[in-house]
Structures are given as C-alpha cells and as structure tokens.
Amino acid sequence: MIEAGLKDTHDTEQIVVRAEGNMASDMNGEKVMFSTRTGKYYNLGAVGGRIWDLIEEPIDIGRLIDTLAAEYEVERATCEREAFAFLRQMYRESLIEVRSS
C-alpha cells in the first residue's frame, strides 16, 4: 500500500495506522504521547487515547468509527465527523499514516 494522505471527503475505506517514532502512556485515564521525531508532547485525552489504541494495527476508518460509535453510544454521523477531525489533526502532525484501501 502507498501513502495516500487523509482525504477531505469522509472516505471510510482509507486505512490508518500509527506512525513510527511515538511513545504513549496512560496518565489518569488519558493518553499522553511524545513524538521522538518532533520532540512534541500531546495529550490525546480518553477518546483520542482509545483511537490511538485502535490504530496500533492498520484499520479502515469505517471499522474504527463503527467501534467508537458502539463503545461510546454516539450517533454514527457525529462519531464520523469527530473522528475525521481528530485523524486530520493527527495526520497534519505526522502522528499517523494513511493508506489507500
């Protein structure tokens, strides 16, 4: 698979996975992360931490959203909108890789 970049459209068939060079730890119920590439720290929060856990292995965005919507009992459309916003930010920070399906 090749690097594709996170599309502006909500293409749920794209595959996301953690980028290498990041260390994460749980702190008081939230996930914090350090990027060894940039030297930046990030507080992913509880839901962001769950996303980080789910993308340990490559996963298509549709399955990621389905899992989150079920776990947090939120409408899928709301979950999709919020998940894409979070993933776009992570992509801009080079914390995740996006691959075509």
PDB file of N, CA and C in Angstrom:
ATOM      1  N   MET A   1       0.836  -1.176   0.000  1.00  0.00           N
ATOM      2  CA  MET A   1       0.000   0.000   0.000  1.00  0.00           C
ATOM      3  C   MET A   1       0.878   1.236   0.000  1.00  0.00           C
ATOM      4  N   ILE A   2       0.354   2.310  -0.557  1.00  0.00           N
ATOM      5  CA  ILE A   2       1.130   3.536  -0.626  1.00  0.00           C
ATOM      6  C   ILE A   2       0.522   4.599   0.274  1.00  0.00           C
ATOM      7  N   GLU A   3       1.339   5.550   0.657  1.00  0.00           N
ATOM      8  CA  GLU A   3       0.875   6.688   1.442  1.00  0.00           C
ATOM      9  C   GLU A   3      -0.134   7.456   0.610  1.00  0.00           C
ATOM     10  N   ALA A   4      -1.296   7.727   1.160  1.00  0.00           N
ATOM     11  CA  ALA A   4      -2.342   8.360   0.381  1.00  0.00           C
ATOM     12  C   ALA A   4      -2.698   9.759   0.868  1.00  0.00           C
ATOM     13  N   GLY A   5      -2.499  10.062   2.119  1.00  0.00           N
ATOM     14  CA  GLY A   5      -2.949  11.338   2.664  1.00  0.00           C
ATOM     15  C   GLY A   5      -4.409  11.258   3.023  1.00  0.00           C
ATOM     16  N   LEU A   6      -4.783  11.904   4.089  1.00  0.00           N
ATOM     17  CA  LEU A   6      -6.173  11.856   4.547  1.00  0.00           C
ATOM     18  C   LEU A   6      -7.004  12.786   3.680  1.00  0.00           C
ATOM     19  N   LYS A   7      -7.945  12.224   2.962  1.00  0.00           N
ATOM     20  CA  LYS A   7      -8.779  12.988   2.040  1.00  0.00           C
ATOM     21  C   LYS A   7      -9.743  13.869   2.813  1.00  0.00           C
ATOM     22  N   ASP A   8     -10.102  14.997   2.229  1.00  0.00           N
ATOM     23  CA  ASP A   8     -11.066  15.884   2.861  1.00  0.00           C
ATOM     24  C   ASP A   8     -12.448  15.251   2.914  1.00  0.00           C
ATOM     25  N   THR A   9     -12.757  14.414   1.938  1.00  0.00           N
ATOM     26  CA  THR A   9     -14.033  13.722   1.971  1.00  0.00           C
ATOM     27  C   THR A   9     -13.970  12.632   3.033  1.00  0.00           C
ATOM     28  N   HIS A  10     -15.085  12.228   3.502  1.00  0.00           N
ATOM     29  CA  HIS A  10     -15.131  11.199   4.542  1.00  0.00           C
ATOM     30  C   HIS A  10     -15.079   9.816   3.910  1.00  0.00           C
ATOM     31  N   ASP A  11     -13.931   9.472   3.365  1.00  0.00           N
ATOM     32  CA  ASP A  11     -13.713   8.170   2.741  1.00  0.00           C
ATOM     33  C   ASP A  11     -13.385   7.164   3.835  1.00  0.00           C
ATOM     34  N   THR A  12     -14.376   6.386   4.231  1.00  0.00           N
ATOM     35  CA  THR A  12     -14.203   5.460   5.350  1.00  0.00           C
ATOM     36  C   THR A  12     -13.444   4.200   4.965  1.00  0.00           C
ATOM     37  N   GLU A  13     -13.069   4.075   3.686  1.00  0.00           N
ATOM     38  CA  GLU A  13     -12.295   2.906   3.279  1.00  0.00           C
ATOM     39  C   GLU A  13     -10.791   3.137   3.402  1.00  0.00           C
ATOM     40  N   GLN A  14     -10.392   4.371   3.676  1.00  0.00           N
ATOM     41  CA  GLN A  14      -8.971   4.647   3.894  1.00  0.00           C
ATOM     42  C   GLN A  14      -8.506   3.885   5.136  1.00  0.00           C
ATOM     43  N   ILE A  15      -7.260   3.547   5.155  1.00  0.00           N
ATOM     44  CA  ILE A  15      -6.685   2.781   6.267  1.00  0.00           C
ATOM     45  C   ILE A  15      -5.735   3.697   7.035  1.00  0.00           C
ATOM     46  N   VAL A  16      -5.856   3.675   8.357  1.00  0.00           N
ATOM     47  CA  VAL A  16      -4.985   4.486   9.204  1.00  0.00           C
ATOM     48  C   VAL A  16      -4.200   3.579  10.139  1.00  0.00           C
ATOM     49  N   VAL A  17      -3.007   4.049  10.501  1.00  0.00           N
ATOM     50  CA  VAL A  17      -2.151   3.310  11.417  1.00  0.00           C
ATOM     51  C   VAL A  17      -1.216   4.321  12.070  1.00  0.00           C
ATOM     52  N   ARG A  18      -0.734   3.995  13.241  1.00  0.00           N
ATOM     53  CA  ARG A  18       0.214   4.863  13.927  1.00  0.00           C
ATOM     54  C   ARG A  18       1.476   5.038  13.091  1.00  0.00           C
ATOM     55  N   ALA A  19       2.029   6.229  13.117  1.00  0.00           N
ATOM     56  CA  ALA A  19       3.341   6.455  12.519  1.00  0.00           C
ATOM     57  C   ALA A  19       4.393   6.006  13.530  1.00  0.00           C
ATOM     58  N   GLU A  20       5.540   5.614  13.046  1.00  0.00           N
ATOM     59  CA  GLU A  20       6.618   5.204  13.945  1.00  0.00           C
ATOM     60  C   GLU A  20       7.226   6.424  14.615  1.00  0.00           C
ATOM     61  N   GLY A  21       7.831   6.206  15.771  1.00  0.00           N
ATOM     62  CA  GLY A  21       8.535   7.281  16.457  1.00  0.00           C
ATOM     63  C   GLY A  21       7.708   7.999  17.494  1.00  0.00           C
ATOM     64  N   ASN A  22       6.670   7.343  18.018  1.00  0.00           N
ATOM     65  CA  ASN A  22       5.834   7.949  19.042  1.00  0.00           C
ATOM     66  C   ASN A  22       5.767   7.024  20.246  1.00  0.00           C
ATOM     67  N   MET A  23       5.826   7.618  21.423  1.00  0.00           N
ATOM     68  CA  MET A  23       5.698   6.849  22.661  1.00  0.00           C
ATOM     69  C   MET A  23       4.477   7.370  23.395  1.00  0.00           C
ATOM     70  N   ALA A  24       3.625   6.461  23.850  1.00  0.00           N
ATOM     71  CA  ALA A  24       2.401   6.855  24.541  1.00  0.00           C
ATOM     72  C   ALA A  24       2.310   6.163  25.887  1.00  0.00           C
ATOM     73  N   SER A  25       1.610   6.831  26.804  1.00  0.00           N
ATOM     74  CA  SER A  25       1.435   6.293  28.144  1.00  0.00           C
ATOM     75  C   SER A  25       0.084   6.749  28.688  1.00  0.00           C
ATOM     76  N   ASP A  26      -0.485   5.937  29.556  1.00  0.00           N
ATOM     77  CA  ASP A  26      -1.731   6.307  30.219  1.00  0.00           C
ATOM     78  C   ASP A  26      -1.410   7.117  31.467  1.00  0.00           C
ATOM     79  N   MET A  27      -2.119   8.236  31.619  1.00  0.00           N
ATOM     80  CA  MET A  27      -1.958   9.081  32.799  1.00  0.00           C
ATOM     81  C   MET A  27      -3.335   9.507  33.273  1.00  0.00           C
ATOM     82  N   ASN A  28      -3.744   8.962  34.403  1.00  0.00           N
ATOM     83  CA  ASN A  28      -5.030   9.343  34.999  1.00  0.00           C
ATOM     84  C   ASN A  28      -6.202   9.204  34.033  1.00  0.00           C
ATOM     85  N   GLY A  29      -6.233   8.112  33.292  1.00  0.00           N
ATOM     86  CA  GLY A  29      -7.343   7.842  32.386  1.00  0.00           C
ATOM     87  C   GLY A  29      -7.243   8.502  31.034  1.00  0.00           C
ATOM     88  N   GLU A  30      -6.170   9.232  30.785  1.00  0.00           N
ATOM     89  CA  GLU A  30      -5.971   9.860  29.491  1.00  0.00           C
ATOM     90  C   GLU A  30      -4.657   9.380  28.897  1.00  0.00           C
ATOM     91  N   LYS A  31      -4.580   9.425  27.591  1.00  0.00           N
ATOM     92  CA  LYS A  31      -3.375   9.001  26.888  1.00  0.00           C
ATOM     93  C   LYS A  31      -2.540  10.238  26.567  1.00  0.00           C
ATOM     94  N   VAL A  32      -1.269  10.187  26.941  1.00  0.00           N
ATOM     95  CA  VAL A  32      -0.321  11.234  26.565  1.00  0.00           C
ATOM     96  C   VAL A  32       0.737  10.604  25.680  1.00  0.00           C
ATOM     97  N   MET A  33       1.266  11.419  24.780  1.00  0.00           N
ATOM     98  CA  MET A  33       2.180  10.873  23.798  1.00  0.00           C
ATOM     99  C   MET A  33       3.331  11.849  23.570  1.00  0.00           C
ATOM    100  N   PHE A  34       4.480  11.270  23.246  1.00  0.00           N
ATOM    101  CA  PHE A  34       5.663  12.049  22.899  1.00  0.00           C
ATOM    102  C   PHE A  34       6.129  11.610  21.526  1.00  0.00           C
ATOM    103  N   SER A  35       6.325  12.583  20.648  1.00  0.00           N
ATOM    104  CA  SER A  35       6.842  12.293  19.312  1.00  0.00           C
ATOM    105  C   SER A  35       8.349  12.433  19.351  1.00  0.00           C
ATOM    106  N   THR A  36       9.053  11.333  19.111  1.00  0.00           N
ATOM    107  CA  THR A  36      10.511  11.375  19.105  1.00  0.00           C
ATOM    108  C   THR A  36      11.038  12.096  17.871  1.00  0.00           C
ATOM    109  N   ARG A  37      10.205  12.190  16.843  1.00  0.00           N
ATOM    110  CA  ARG A  37      10.621  12.882  15.616  1.00  0.00           C
ATOM    111  C   ARG A  37      10.607  14.394  15.789  1.00  0.00           C
ATOM    112  N   THR A  38       9.577  14.913  16.481  1.00  0.00           N
ATOM    113  CA  THR A  38       9.428  16.358  16.590  1.00  0.00           C
ATOM    114  C   THR A  38       9.777  16.909  17.968  1.00  0.00           C
ATOM    115  N   GLY A  39       9.811  16.031  18.969  1.00  0.00           N
ATOM    116  CA  GLY A  39      10.056  16.485  20.335  1.00  0.00           C
ATOM    117  C   GLY A  39       8.836  17.086  20.997  1.00  0.00           C
ATOM    118  N   LYS A  40       7.654  16.924  20.397  1.00  0.00           N
ATOM    119  CA  LYS A  40       6.417  17.478  20.947  1.00  0.00           C
ATOM    120  C   LYS A  40       5.699  16.449  21.814  1.00  0.00           C
ATOM    121  N   TYR A  41       4.995  16.966  22.828  1.00  0.00           N
ATOM    122  CA  TYR A  41       4.115  16.157  23.662  1.00  0.00           C
ATOM    123  C   TYR A  41       2.676  16.436  23.254  1.00  0.00           C
ATOM    124  N   TYR A  42       1.830  15.410  23.378  1.00  0.00           N
ATOM    125  CA  TYR A  42       0.421  15.530  23.048  1.00  0.00           C
ATOM    126  C   TYR A  42      -0.411  14.876  24.146  1.00  0.00           C
ATOM    127  N   ASN A  43      -1.521  15.512  24.515  1.00  0.00           N
ATOM    128  CA  ASN A  43      -2.495  14.886  25.393  1.00  0.00           C
ATOM    129  C   ASN A  43      -3.662  14.484  24.496  1.00  0.00           C
ATOM    130  N   LEU A  44      -3.810  13.184  24.296  1.00  0.00           N
ATOM    131  CA  LEU A  44      -4.852  12.685  23.394  1.00  0.00           C
ATOM    132  C   LEU A  44      -6.205  12.586  24.077  1.00  0.00           C
ATOM    133  N   GLY A  45      -6.235  12.680  25.398  1.00  0.00           N
ATOM    134  CA  GLY A  45      -7.486  12.528  26.117  1.00  0.00           C
ATOM    135  C   GLY A  45      -7.925  11.073  26.147  1.00  0.00           C
ATOM    136  N   ALA A  46      -9.096  10.851  26.676  1.00  0.00           N
ATOM    137  CA  ALA A  46      -9.606   9.479  26.798  1.00  0.00           C
ATOM    138  C   ALA A  46     -10.025   8.910  25.441  1.00  0.00           C
ATOM    139  N   VAL A  47     -10.831   9.648  24.689  1.00  0.00           N
ATOM    140  CA  VAL A  47     -11.318   9.137  23.399  1.00  0.00           C
ATOM    141  C   VAL A  47     -10.172   9.091  22.390  1.00  0.00           C
ATOM    142  N   GLY A  48      -9.354  10.121  22.348  1.00  0.00           N
ATOM    143  CA  GLY A  48      -8.196  10.113  21.468  1.00  0.00           C
ATOM    144  C   GLY A  48      -7.262   8.962  21.794  1.00  0.00           C
ATOM    145  N   GLY A  49      -7.143   8.664  23.087  1.00  0.00           N
ATOM    146  CA  GLY A  49      -6.333   7.525  23.507  1.00  0.00           C
ATOM    147  C   GLY A  49      -6.913   6.210  23.014  1.00  0.00           C
ATOM    148  N   ARG A  50      -8.238   6.120  23.019  1.00  0.00           N
ATOM    149  CA  ARG A  50      -8.878   4.906  22.504  1.00  0.00           C
ATOM    150  C   ARG A  50      -8.621   4.763  21.008  1.00  0.00           C
ATOM    151  N   ILE A  51      -8.695   5.882  20.292  1.00  0.00           N
ATOM    152  CA  ILE A  51      -8.381   5.841  18.864  1.00  0.00           C
ATOM    153  C   ILE A  51      -6.938   5.384  18.682  1.00  0.00           C
ATOM    154  N   TRP A  52      -6.025   5.910  19.481  1.00  0.00           N
ATOM    155  CA  TRP A  52      -4.613   5.528  19.389  1.00  0.00           C
ATOM    156  C   TRP A  52      -4.456   4.024  19.594  1.00  0.00           C
ATOM    157  N   ASP A  53      -5.190   3.485  20.559  1.00  0.00           N
ATOM    158  CA  ASP A  53      -5.140   2.038  20.797  1.00  0.00           C
ATOM    159  C   ASP A  53      -5.648   1.263  19.577  1.00  0.00           C
ATOM    160  N   LEU A  54      -6.744   1.739  18.993  1.00  0.00           N
ATOM    161  CA  LEU A  54      -7.356   1.028  17.865  1.00  0.00           C
ATOM    162  C   LEU A  54      -6.514   1.071  16.599  1.00  0.00           C
ATOM    163  N   ILE A  55      -5.660   2.074  16.456  1.00  0.00           N
ATOM    164  CA  ILE A  55      -4.856   2.174  15.234  1.00  0.00           C
ATOM    165  C   ILE A  55      -3.441   1.623  15.431  1.00  0.00           C
ATOM    166  N   GLU A  56      -3.273   0.815  16.451  1.00  0.00           N
ATOM    167  CA  GLU A  56      -1.978   0.157  16.643  1.00  0.00           C
ATOM    168  C   GLU A  56      -1.629  -0.691  15.420  1.00  0.00           C
ATOM    169  N   GLU A  57      -2.638  -1.342  14.881  1.00  0.00           N
ATOM    170  CA  GLU A  57      -2.525  -2.100  13.629  1.00  0.00           C
ATOM    171  C   GLU A  57      -3.361  -1.369  12.583  1.00  0.00           C
ATOM    172  N   PRO A  58      -3.017  -1.488  11.312  1.00  0.00           N
ATOM    173  CA  PRO A  58      -3.814  -0.808  10.282  1.00  0.00           C
ATOM    174  C   PRO A  58      -5.293  -1.180  10.378  1.00  0.00           C
ATOM    175  N   ILE A  59      -6.145  -0.155  10.294  1.00  0.00           N
ATOM    176  CA  ILE A  59      -7.596  -0.357  10.388  1.00  0.00           C
ATOM    177  C   ILE A  59      -8.271   0.618   9.433  1.00  0.00           C
ATOM    178  N   ASP A  60      -9.330   0.166   8.766  1.00  0.00           N
ATOM    179  CA  ASP A  60     -10.024   1.109   7.897  1.00  0.00           C
ATOM    180  C   ASP A  60     -10.877   2.027   8.767  1.00  0.00           C
ATOM    181  N   ILE A  61     -11.029   3.243   8.309  1.00  0.00           N
ATOM    182  CA  ILE A  61     -11.697   4.266   9.102  1.00  0.00           C
ATOM    183  C   ILE A  61     -13.141   3.884   9.400  1.00  0.00           C
ATOM    184  N   GLY A  62     -13.803   3.213   8.481  1.00  0.00           N
ATOM    185  CA  GLY A  62     -15.182   2.776   8.723  1.00  0.00           C
ATOM    186  C   GLY A  62     -15.282   1.865   9.937  1.00  0.00           C
ATOM    187  N   ARG A  63     -14.394   0.901  10.028  1.00  0.00           N
ATOM    188  CA  ARG A  63     -14.395  -0.016  11.177  1.00  0.00           C
ATOM    189  C   ARG A  63     -14.035   0.731  12.460  1.00  0.00           C
ATOM    190  N   LEU A  64     -13.104   1.657  12.377  1.00  0.00           N
ATOM    191  CA  LEU A  64     -12.737   2.471  13.532  1.00  0.00           C
ATOM    192  C   LEU A  64     -13.956   3.245  14.045  1.00  0.00           C
ATOM    193  N   ILE A  65     -14.678   3.874  13.135  1.00  0.00           N
ATOM    194  CA  ILE A  65     -15.864   4.652  13.505  1.00  0.00           C
ATOM    195  C   ILE A  65     -16.952   3.750  14.072  1.00  0.00           C
ATOM    196  N   ASP A  66     -17.182   2.610  13.455  1.00  0.00           N
ATOM    197  CA  ASP A  66     -18.183   1.672  13.968  1.00  0.00           C
ATOM    198  C   ASP A  66     -17.861   1.262  15.399  1.00  0.00           C
ATOM    199  N   THR A  67     -16.598   0.976  15.664  1.00  0.00           N
ATOM    200  CA  THR A  67     -16.174   0.563  17.004  1.00  0.00           C
ATOM    201  C   THR A  67     -16.397   1.684  18.002  1.00  0.00           C
ATOM    202  N   LEU A  68     -15.973   2.889  17.653  1.00  0.00           N
ATOM    203  CA  LEU A  68     -16.130   4.023  18.563  1.00  0.00           C
ATOM    204  C   LEU A  68     -17.595   4.353  18.819  1.00  0.00           C
ATOM    205  N   ALA A  69     -18.406   4.346  17.761  1.00  0.00           N
ATOM    206  CA  ALA A  69     -19.834   4.657  17.916  1.00  0.00           C
ATOM    207  C   ALA A  69     -20.507   3.668  18.846  1.00  0.00           C
ATOM    208  N   ALA A  70     -20.146   2.400  18.734  1.00  0.00           N
ATOM    209  CA  ALA A  70     -20.736   1.380  19.606  1.00  0.00           C
ATOM    210  C   ALA A  70     -20.240   1.523  21.049  1.00  0.00           C
ATOM    211  N   GLU A  71     -18.955   1.730  21.228  1.00  0.00           N
ATOM    212  CA  GLU A  71     -18.388   1.826  22.572  1.00  0.00           C
ATOM    213  C   GLU A  71     -18.865   3.059  23.332  1.00  0.00           C
ATOM    214  N   TYR A  72     -19.005   4.172  22.630  1.00  0.00           N
ATOM    215  CA  TYR A  72     -19.379   5.426  23.287  1.00  0.00           C
ATOM    216  C   TYR A  72     -20.856   5.763  23.120  1.00  0.00           C
ATOM    217  N   GLU A  73     -21.597   4.868  22.471  1.00  0.00           N
ATOM    218  CA  GLU A  73     -23.038   5.022  22.273  1.00  0.00           C
ATOM    219  C   GLU A  73     -23.381   6.409  21.728  1.00  0.00           C
ATOM    220  N   VAL A  74     -22.756   6.742  20.613  1.00  0.00           N
ATOM    221  CA  VAL A  74     -22.967   8.024  19.954  1.00  0.00           C
ATOM    222  C   VAL A  74     -23.453   7.756  18.533  1.00  0.00           C
ATOM    223  N   GLU A  75     -24.207   8.700  17.982  1.00  0.00           N
ATOM    224  CA  GLU A  75     -24.687   8.541  16.611  1.00  0.00           C
ATOM    225  C   GLU A  75     -23.497   8.430  15.673  1.00  0.00           C
ATOM    226  N   ARG A  76     -23.641   7.563  14.690  1.00  0.00           N
ATOM    227  CA  ARG A  76     -22.516   7.309  13.783  1.00  0.00           C
ATOM    228  C   ARG A  76     -22.086   8.569  13.048  1.00  0.00           C
ATOM    229  N   ALA A  77     -23.037   9.397  12.612  1.00  0.00           N
ATOM    230  CA  ALA A  77     -22.689  10.614  11.877  1.00  0.00           C
ATOM    231  C   ALA A  77     -21.850  11.558  12.745  1.00  0.00           C
ATOM    232  N   THR A  78     -22.216  11.692  13.996  1.00  0.00           N
ATOM    233  CA  THR A  78     -21.453  12.529  14.927  1.00  0.00           C
ATOM    234  C   THR A  78     -20.068  11.942  15.142  1.00  0.00           C
ATOM    235  N   CYS A  79     -20.012  10.640  15.341  1.00  0.00           N
ATOM    236  CA  CYS A  79     -18.741   9.956  15.554  1.00  0.00           C
ATOM    237  C   CYS A  79     -17.838  10.117  14.335  1.00  0.00           C
ATOM    238  N   GLU A  80     -18.411   9.972  13.156  1.00  0.00           N
ATOM    239  CA  GLU A  80     -17.622  10.099  11.928  1.00  0.00           C
ATOM    240  C   GLU A  80     -17.032  11.496  11.799  1.00  0.00           C
ATOM    241  N   ARG A  81     -17.852  12.507  12.039  1.00  0.00           N
ATOM    242  CA  ARG A  81     -17.390  13.890  11.929  1.00  0.00           C
ATOM    243  C   ARG A  81     -16.240  14.162  12.913  1.00  0.00           C
ATOM    244  N   GLU A  82     -16.424  13.740  14.161  1.00  0.00           N
ATOM    245  CA  GLU A  82     -15.409  13.984  15.184  1.00  0.00           C
ATOM    246  C   GLU A  82     -14.145  13.151  14.950  1.00  0.00           C
ATOM    247  N   ALA A  83     -14.327  11.916  14.528  1.00  0.00           N
ATOM    248  CA  ALA A  83     -13.171  11.046  14.282  1.00  0.00           C
ATOM    249  C   ALA A  83     -12.336  11.582  13.122  1.00  0.00           C
ATOM    250  N   PHE A  84     -12.989  12.023  12.047  1.00  0.00           N
ATOM    251  CA  PHE A  84     -12.241  12.576  10.919  1.00  0.00           C
ATOM    252  C   PHE A  84     -11.493  13.843  11.320  1.00  0.00           C
ATOM    253  N   ALA A  85     -12.108  14.687  12.139  1.00  0.00           N
ATOM    254  CA  ALA A  85     -11.426  15.911  12.591  1.00  0.00           C
ATOM    255  C   ALA A  85     -10.173  15.545  13.390  1.00  0.00           C
ATOM    256  N   PHE A  86     -10.301  14.570  14.276  1.00  0.00           N
ATOM    257  CA  PHE A  86      -9.168  14.125  15.088  1.00  0.00           C
ATOM    258  C   PHE A  86      -8.079  13.506  14.211  1.00  0.00           C
ATOM    259  N   LEU A  87      -8.465  12.646  13.291  1.00  0.00           N
ATOM    260  CA  LEU A  87      -7.496  11.989  12.416  1.00  0.00           C
ATOM    261  C   LEU A  87      -6.788  12.988  11.503  1.00  0.00           C
ATOM    262  N   ARG A  88      -7.533  13.981  11.011  1.00  0.00           N
ATOM    263  CA  ARG A  88      -6.894  15.006  10.180  1.00  0.00           C
ATOM    264  C   ARG A  88      -5.821  15.751  10.962  1.00  0.00           C
ATOM    265  N   GLN A  89      -6.120  16.084  12.226  1.00  0.00           N
ATOM    266  CA  GLN A  89      -5.135  16.776  13.057  1.00  0.00           C
ATOM    267  C   GLN A  89      -3.914  15.878  13.300  1.00  0.00           C
ATOM    268  N   MET A  90      -4.145  14.622  13.583  1.00  0.00           N
ATOM    269  CA  MET A  90      -3.035  13.701  13.795  1.00  0.00           C
ATOM    270  C   MET A  90      -2.202  13.546  12.527  1.00  0.00           C
ATOM    271  N   TYR A  91      -2.865  13.532  11.385  1.00  0.00           N
ATOM    272  CA  TYR A  91      -2.149  13.421  10.110  1.00  0.00           C
ATOM    273  C   TYR A  91      -1.293  14.662   9.871  1.00  0.00           C
ATOM    274  N   ARG A  92      -1.865  15.841  10.137  1.00  0.00           N
ATOM    275  CA  ARG A  92      -1.100  17.086   9.956  1.00  0.00           C
ATOM    276  C   ARG A  92       0.135  17.119  10.851  1.00  0.00           C
ATOM    277  N   GLU A  93       0.056  16.476  12.012  1.00  0.00           N
ATOM    278  CA  GLU A  93       1.181  16.428  12.950  1.00  0.00           C
ATOM    279  C   GLU A  93       2.122  15.253  12.649  1.00  0.00           C
ATOM    280  N   SER A  94       1.832  14.500  11.590  1.00  0.00           N
ATOM    281  CA  SER A  94       2.631  13.326  11.181  1.00  0.00           C
ATOM    282  C   SER A  94       2.657  12.225  12.241  1.00  0.00           C
ATOM    283  N   LEU A  95       1.545  12.082  12.966  1.00  0.00           N
ATOM    284  CA  LEU A  95       1.445  11.057  14.004  1.00  0.00           C
ATOM    285  C   LEU A  95       0.839   9.764  13.488  1.00  0.00           C
ATOM    286  N   ILE A  96       0.158   9.845  12.333  1.00  0.00           N
ATOM    287  CA  ILE A  96      -0.447   8.666  11.726  1.00  0.00           C
ATOM    288  C   ILE A  96      -0.076   8.611  10.261  1.00  0.00           C
ATOM    289  N   GLU A  97      -0.197   7.411   9.709  1.00  0.00           N
ATOM    290  CA  GLU A  97      -0.066   7.199   8.275  1.00  0.00           C
ATOM    291  C   GLU A  97      -1.431   6.854   7.733  1.00  0.00           C
ATOM    292  N   VAL A  98      -1.717   7.298   6.529  1.00  0.00           N
ATOM    293  CA  VAL A  98      -2.978   6.998   5.857  1.00  0.00           C
ATOM    294  C   VAL A  98      -2.637   6.259   4.576  1.00  0.00           C
ATOM    295  N   ARG A  99      -3.305   5.155   4.387  1.00  0.00           N
ATOM    296  CA  ARG A  99      -3.047   4.324   3.218  1.00  0.00           C
ATOM    297  C   ARG A  99      -4.343   4.105   2.451  1.00  0.00           C
ATOM    298  N   SER A 100      -4.210   3.950   1.158  1.00  0.00           N
ATOM    299  CA  SER A 100      -5.402   3.648   0.372  1.00  0.00           C
ATOM    300  C   SER A 100      -5.792   2.195   0.619  1.00  0.00           C
ATOM    301  N   SER A 101      -7.084   1.939   0.433  1.00  0.00           N
ATOM    302  CA  SER A 101      -7.560   0.573   0.687  1.00  0.00           C
ATOM    303  C   SER A 101      -7.244  -0.352  -0.450  1.00  0.00           C
TER     304      SER A 101
END
